[in-house]
């Protein structure tokens, strides 16, 4: 991993999140929060989980270990979720500006929400976050299909194609 790879993964992650939210914004409020018996219940709860994970990991990289994730019920609308995500994205961009190849090899310690201490190289943690978001976007895609919503492809290769246009 180097900074260029991380920036590319971040750009892809941001693009995929925006694309997914574009689709989700067409849901009714009831569809957005409907319990579909998934690991994070609803579209809203799953998106809030992605956002919370992206936020909490960034906080850990900055030396802060929050004791809990963001609460999905704080996001009553897609717009409220988008607004909070915009703040997190801004913080990511600022973080990436300062990132160096050398920092990616630095081991960072943090406490998880259970109070357990862990430590990994920053580059590996960044890969974990991007993979985590991809996994849960796949879950949201399934939930959207269950709701009868049209979905947009979120594949990395699609991102690559639109970047070259």
C-alpha atoms as a PDB file:
ATOM      1  CA  UNK A   1       0.000   0.000   0.000  1.00  0.00           C
ATOM      2  CA  UNK A   2       1.112   3.499  -0.784  1.00  0.00           C
ATOM      3  CA  UNK A   3      -0.598   6.857  -0.546  1.00  0.00           C
ATOM      4  CA  UNK A   4      -1.620   6.772  -4.208  1.00  0.00           C
ATOM      5  CA  UNK A   5      -3.379   3.406  -3.681  1.00  0.00           C
ATOM      6  CA  UNK A   6      -5.132   4.679  -0.555  1.00  0.00           C
ATOM      7  CA  UNK A   7      -6.349   7.830  -2.289  1.00  0.00           C
ATOM      8  CA  UNK A   8      -7.641   5.708  -5.182  1.00  0.00           C
ATOM      9  CA  UNK A   9      -9.497   3.357  -2.809  1.00  0.00           C
ATOM     10  CA  UNK A  10     -10.928   6.335  -0.945  1.00  0.00           C
ATOM     11  CA  UNK A  11     -12.111   7.917  -4.204  1.00  0.00           C
ATOM     12  CA  UNK A  12     -13.766   4.651  -5.207  1.00  0.00           C
ATOM     13  CA  UNK A  13     -15.348   4.251  -1.763  1.00  0.00           C
ATOM     14  CA  UNK A  14     -16.704   7.794  -1.827  1.00  0.00           C
ATOM     15  CA  UNK A  15     -18.057   7.344  -5.369  1.00  0.00           C
ATOM     16  CA  UNK A  16     -19.773   4.061  -4.443  1.00  0.00           C
ATOM     17  CA  UNK A  17     -21.281   5.552  -1.271  1.00  0.00           C
ATOM     18  CA  UNK A  18     -22.640   8.535  -3.214  1.00  0.00           C
ATOM     19  CA  UNK A  19     -24.039   6.307  -5.924  1.00  0.00           C
ATOM     20  CA  UNK A  20     -25.776   4.102  -3.374  1.00  0.00           C
ATOM     21  CA  UNK A  21     -27.248   7.077  -1.525  1.00  0.00           C
ATOM     22  CA  UNK A  22     -28.502   8.408  -4.863  1.00  0.00           C
ATOM     23  CA  UNK A  23     -30.565   5.235  -5.183  1.00  0.00           C
ATOM     24  CA  UNK A  24     -31.631   5.234  -1.533  1.00  0.00           C
ATOM     25  CA  UNK A  25     -32.838   8.827  -1.766  1.00  0.00           C
ATOM     26  CA  UNK A  26     -35.669   7.586  -4.025  1.00  0.00           C
ATOM     27  CA  UNK A  27     -37.117   5.395  -1.249  1.00  0.00           C
ATOM     28  CA  UNK A  28     -40.098   6.427   0.793  1.00  0.00           C
ATOM     29  CA  UNK A  29     -39.394   7.178   4.467  1.00  0.00           C
ATOM     30  CA  UNK A  30     -41.115   3.911   5.375  1.00  0.00           C
ATOM     31  CA  UNK A  31     -38.931   1.919   2.954  1.00  0.00           C
ATOM     32  CA  UNK A  32     -35.804   3.658   4.266  1.00  0.00           C
ATOM     33  CA  UNK A  33     -36.459   2.436   7.825  1.00  0.00           C
ATOM     34  CA  UNK A  34     -38.414  -0.790   7.197  1.00  0.00           C
ATOM     35  CA  UNK A  35     -37.086  -3.746   9.193  1.00  0.00           C
ATOM     36  CA  UNK A  36     -36.031  -6.271   6.554  1.00  0.00           C
ATOM     37  CA  UNK A  37     -34.550  -8.749   9.045  1.00  0.00           C
ATOM     38  CA  UNK A  38     -30.964  -8.047   7.989  1.00  0.00           C
ATOM     39  CA  UNK A  39     -27.916  -7.882  10.236  1.00  0.00           C
ATOM     40  CA  UNK A  40     -28.517  -4.138  10.542  1.00  0.00           C
ATOM     41  CA  UNK A  41     -32.297  -4.381   9.997  1.00  0.00           C
ATOM     42  CA  UNK A  42     -33.023  -1.611   7.499  1.00  0.00           C
ATOM     43  CA  UNK A  43     -31.454   0.303   4.645  1.00  0.00           C
ATOM     44  CA  UNK A  44     -31.036   3.238   7.022  1.00  0.00           C
ATOM     45  CA  UNK A  45     -29.438   1.140   9.749  1.00  0.00           C
ATOM     46  CA  UNK A  46     -27.009  -0.508   7.330  1.00  0.00           C
ATOM     47  CA  UNK A  47     -25.977   2.812   5.790  1.00  0.00           C
ATOM     48  CA  UNK A  48     -25.591   4.288   9.276  1.00  0.00           C
ATOM     49  CA  UNK A  49     -23.350   1.339  10.142  1.00  0.00           C
ATOM     50  CA  UNK A  50     -21.124   2.016   7.117  1.00  0.00           C
ATOM     51  CA  UNK A  51     -20.937   5.685   8.043  1.00  0.00           C
ATOM     52  CA  UNK A  52     -20.266   4.903  11.702  1.00  0.00           C
ATOM     53  CA  UNK A  53     -17.448   2.523  10.822  1.00  0.00           C
ATOM     54  CA  UNK A  54     -15.824   4.993   8.453  1.00  0.00           C
ATOM     55  CA  UNK A  55     -16.103   7.672  11.170  1.00  0.00           C
ATOM     56  CA  UNK A  56     -14.854   5.560  14.088  1.00  0.00           C
ATOM     57  CA  UNK A  57     -11.811   4.276  12.207  1.00  0.00           C
ATOM     58  CA  UNK A  58     -10.818   7.782  11.172  1.00  0.00           C
ATOM     59  CA  UNK A  59     -11.119   8.858  14.813  1.00  0.00           C
ATOM     60  CA  UNK A  60      -8.878   5.952  15.855  1.00  0.00           C
ATOM     61  CA  UNK A  61      -6.249   6.954  13.302  1.00  0.00           C
ATOM     62  CA  UNK A  62      -6.325  10.429  14.823  1.00  0.00           C
ATOM     63  CA  UNK A  63      -5.648   8.972  18.284  1.00  0.00           C
ATOM     64  CA  UNK A  64      -9.208   8.962  19.650  1.00  0.00           C
ATOM     65  CA  UNK A  65     -11.024   5.753  20.591  1.00  0.00           C
ATOM     66  CA  UNK A  66     -14.781   6.478  20.701  1.00  0.00           C
ATOM     67  CA  UNK A  67     -16.718   4.224  23.069  1.00  0.00           C
ATOM     68  CA  UNK A  68     -19.633   3.696  20.683  1.00  0.00           C
ATOM     69  CA  UNK A  69     -20.686   3.892  17.071  1.00  0.00           C
ATOM     70  CA  UNK A  70     -23.124   6.446  15.714  1.00  0.00           C
ATOM     71  CA  UNK A  71     -26.765   5.654  16.493  1.00  0.00           C
ATOM     72  CA  UNK A  72     -28.842   4.830  13.384  1.00  0.00           C
ATOM     73  CA  UNK A  73     -31.944   6.395  14.943  1.00  0.00           C
ATOM     74  CA  UNK A  74     -30.149   9.771  14.794  1.00  0.00           C
ATOM     75  CA  UNK A  75     -30.727   9.621  11.032  1.00  0.00           C
ATOM     76  CA  UNK A  76     -34.443   9.954  10.470  1.00  0.00           C
ATOM     77  CA  UNK A  77     -34.006  10.897   6.820  1.00  0.00           C
ATOM     78  CA  UNK A  78     -31.641  10.222   3.967  1.00  0.00           C
ATOM     79  CA  UNK A  79     -30.751  13.924   4.046  1.00  0.00           C
ATOM     80  CA  UNK A  80     -29.613  13.764   7.668  1.00  0.00           C
ATOM     81  CA  UNK A  81     -27.428  10.770   6.842  1.00  0.00           C
ATOM     82  CA  UNK A  82     -25.971  12.561   3.800  1.00  0.00           C
ATOM     83  CA  UNK A  83     -25.193  15.653   5.889  1.00  0.00           C
ATOM     84  CA  UNK A  84     -23.242  13.667   8.501  1.00  0.00           C
ATOM     85  CA  UNK A  85     -21.474  11.686   5.783  1.00  0.00           C
ATOM     86  CA  UNK A  86     -20.356  14.922   4.122  1.00  0.00           C
ATOM     87  CA  UNK A  87     -18.647  15.908   7.380  1.00  0.00           C
ATOM     88  CA  UNK A  88     -16.868  12.558   7.616  1.00  0.00           C
ATOM     89  CA  UNK A  89     -15.803  12.746   3.958  1.00  0.00           C
ATOM     90  CA  UNK A  90     -14.348  16.213   4.549  1.00  0.00           C
ATOM     91  CA  UNK A  91     -12.359  14.842   7.486  1.00  0.00           C
ATOM     92  CA  UNK A  92     -11.097  11.946   5.333  1.00  0.00           C
ATOM     93  CA  UNK A  93      -9.868  14.344   2.652  1.00  0.00           C
ATOM     94  CA  UNK A  94      -8.007  16.369   5.274  1.00  0.00           C
ATOM     95  CA  UNK A  95      -6.513  13.162   6.699  1.00  0.00           C
ATOM     96  CA  UNK A  96      -5.395  11.974   3.264  1.00  0.00           C
ATOM     97  CA  UNK A  97      -3.664  15.268   2.505  1.00  0.00           C
ATOM     98  CA  UNK A  98      -1.310  14.642   5.432  1.00  0.00           C
ATOM     99  CA  UNK A  99      -0.873  10.921   4.724  1.00  0.00           C
ATOM    100  CA  UNK A 100       2.532   9.625   3.569  1.00  0.00           C
ATOM    101  CA  UNK A 101       3.773   6.229   2.462  1.00  0.00           C
ATOM    102  CA  UNK A 102       5.786   6.056   5.673  1.00  0.00           C
ATOM    103  CA  UNK A 103       2.713   6.672   7.859  1.00  0.00           C
ATOM    104  CA  UNK A 104       0.944   3.736   6.207  1.00  0.00           C
ATOM    105  CA  UNK A 105       3.448   1.359   7.835  1.00  0.00           C
ATOM    106  CA  UNK A 106       3.035   2.890  11.304  1.00  0.00           C
ATOM    107  CA  UNK A 107       1.300   0.654  13.821  1.00  0.00           C
ATOM    108  CA  UNK A 108      -1.620   2.412  15.485  1.00  0.00           C
ATOM    109  CA  UNK A 109      -3.107   1.265  18.781  1.00  0.00           C
ATOM    110  CA  UNK A 110      -6.718   1.882  19.715  1.00  0.00           C
ATOM    111  CA  UNK A 111      -9.445   0.626  22.017  1.00  0.00           C
ATOM    112  CA  UNK A 112     -12.537  -0.844  20.416  1.00  0.00           C
ATOM    113  CA  UNK A 113     -16.041  -0.173  21.706  1.00  0.00           C
ATOM    114  CA  UNK A 114     -15.661  -3.077  24.163  1.00  0.00           C
ATOM    115  CA  UNK A 115     -12.556  -1.455  25.649  1.00  0.00           C
ATOM    116  CA  UNK A 116     -10.180  -4.044  24.156  1.00  0.00           C
ATOM    117  CA  UNK A 117      -6.837  -2.783  22.900  1.00  0.00           C
ATOM    118  CA  UNK A 118      -5.728  -3.596  19.355  1.00  0.00           C
ATOM    119  CA  UNK A 119      -2.910  -2.444  17.082  1.00  0.00           C
ATOM    120  CA  UNK A 120      -2.356  -2.717  13.333  1.00  0.00           C
ATOM    121  CA  UNK A 121      -0.423  -0.921  10.613  1.00  0.00           C
ATOM    122  CA  UNK A 122      -2.432   2.053   9.339  1.00  0.00           C
ATOM    123  CA  UNK A 123      -2.373   0.789   5.744  1.00  0.00           C
ATOM    124  CA  UNK A 124      -4.007  -2.488   6.772  1.00  0.00           C
ATOM    125  CA  UNK A 125      -6.677  -0.674   8.754  1.00  0.00           C
ATOM    126  CA  UNK A 126      -7.496   1.518   5.757  1.00  0.00           C
ATOM    127  CA  UNK A 127      -7.856  -1.568   3.573  1.00  0.00           C
ATOM    128  CA  UNK A 128     -10.141  -3.071   6.221  1.00  0.00           C
ATOM    129  CA  UNK A 129     -12.410  -0.008   6.252  1.00  0.00           C
ATOM    130  CA  UNK A 130     -12.734   0.076   2.460  1.00  0.00           C
ATOM    131  CA  UNK A 131     -13.488  -3.656   2.363  1.00  0.00           C
ATOM    132  CA  UNK A 132     -15.997  -3.303   5.213  1.00  0.00           C
ATOM    133  CA  UNK A 133     -17.864  -0.553   3.371  1.00  0.00           C
ATOM    134  CA  UNK A 134     -17.953  -2.628   0.190  1.00  0.00           C
ATOM    135  CA  UNK A 135     -19.371  -5.614   2.072  1.00  0.00           C
ATOM    136  CA  UNK A 136     -22.189  -3.613   3.613  1.00  0.00           C
ATOM    137  CA  UNK A 137     -22.977  -1.748   0.375  1.00  0.00           C
ATOM    138  CA  UNK A 138     -23.644  -5.213  -1.048  1.00  0.00           C
ATOM    139  CA  UNK A 139     -26.114  -5.805   1.765  1.00  0.00           C
ATOM    140  CA  UNK A 140     -27.856  -2.508   1.012  1.00  0.00           C
ATOM    141  CA  UNK A 141     -28.076  -3.510  -2.648  1.00  0.00           C
ATOM    142  CA  UNK A 142     -29.872  -6.699  -1.607  1.00  0.00           C
ATOM    143  CA  UNK A 143     -32.232  -4.751   0.650  1.00  0.00           C
ATOM    144  CA  UNK A 144     -32.996  -2.337  -2.174  1.00  0.00           C
ATOM    145  CA  UNK A 145     -33.858  -5.244  -4.454  1.00  0.00           C
ATOM    146  CA  UNK A 146     -36.158  -6.643  -1.750  1.00  0.00           C
ATOM    147  CA  UNK A 147     -37.903  -3.272  -1.732  1.00  0.00           C
ATOM    148  CA  UNK A 148     -38.269  -3.372  -5.530  1.00  0.00           C
ATOM    149  CA  UNK A 149     -35.895  -0.459  -6.086  1.00  0.00           C
ATOM    150  CA  UNK A 150     -33.636  -0.176  -9.107  1.00  0.00           C
ATOM    151  CA  UNK A 151     -29.952  -0.321  -8.203  1.00  0.00           C
ATOM    152  CA  UNK A 152     -26.842   1.081  -9.838  1.00  0.00           C
ATOM    153  CA  UNK A 153     -23.684  -1.001 -10.309  1.00  0.00           C
ATOM    154  CA  UNK A 154     -21.026  -0.198  -7.713  1.00  0.00           C
ATOM    155  CA  UNK A 155     -18.175  -2.292  -9.070  1.00  0.00           C
ATOM    156  CA  UNK A 156     -14.619  -0.980  -8.968  1.00  0.00           C
ATOM    157  CA  UNK A 157     -14.343  -1.595 -12.715  1.00  0.00           C
ATOM    158  CA  UNK A 158     -17.391   0.608 -13.325  1.00  0.00           C
ATOM    159  CA  UNK A 159     -15.692   3.304 -11.242  1.00  0.00           C
ATOM    160  CA  UNK A 160     -12.555   2.841 -13.356  1.00  0.00           C
ATOM    161  CA  UNK A 161     -14.588   3.242 -16.548  1.00  0.00           C
ATOM    162  CA  UNK A 162     -16.269   6.467 -15.449  1.00  0.00           C
ATOM    163  CA  UNK A 163     -12.940   7.892 -14.261  1.00  0.00           C
ATOM    164  CA  UNK A 164     -11.436   7.557 -17.736  1.00  0.00           C
ATOM    165  CA  UNK A 165     -14.304   9.394 -19.450  1.00  0.00           C
END
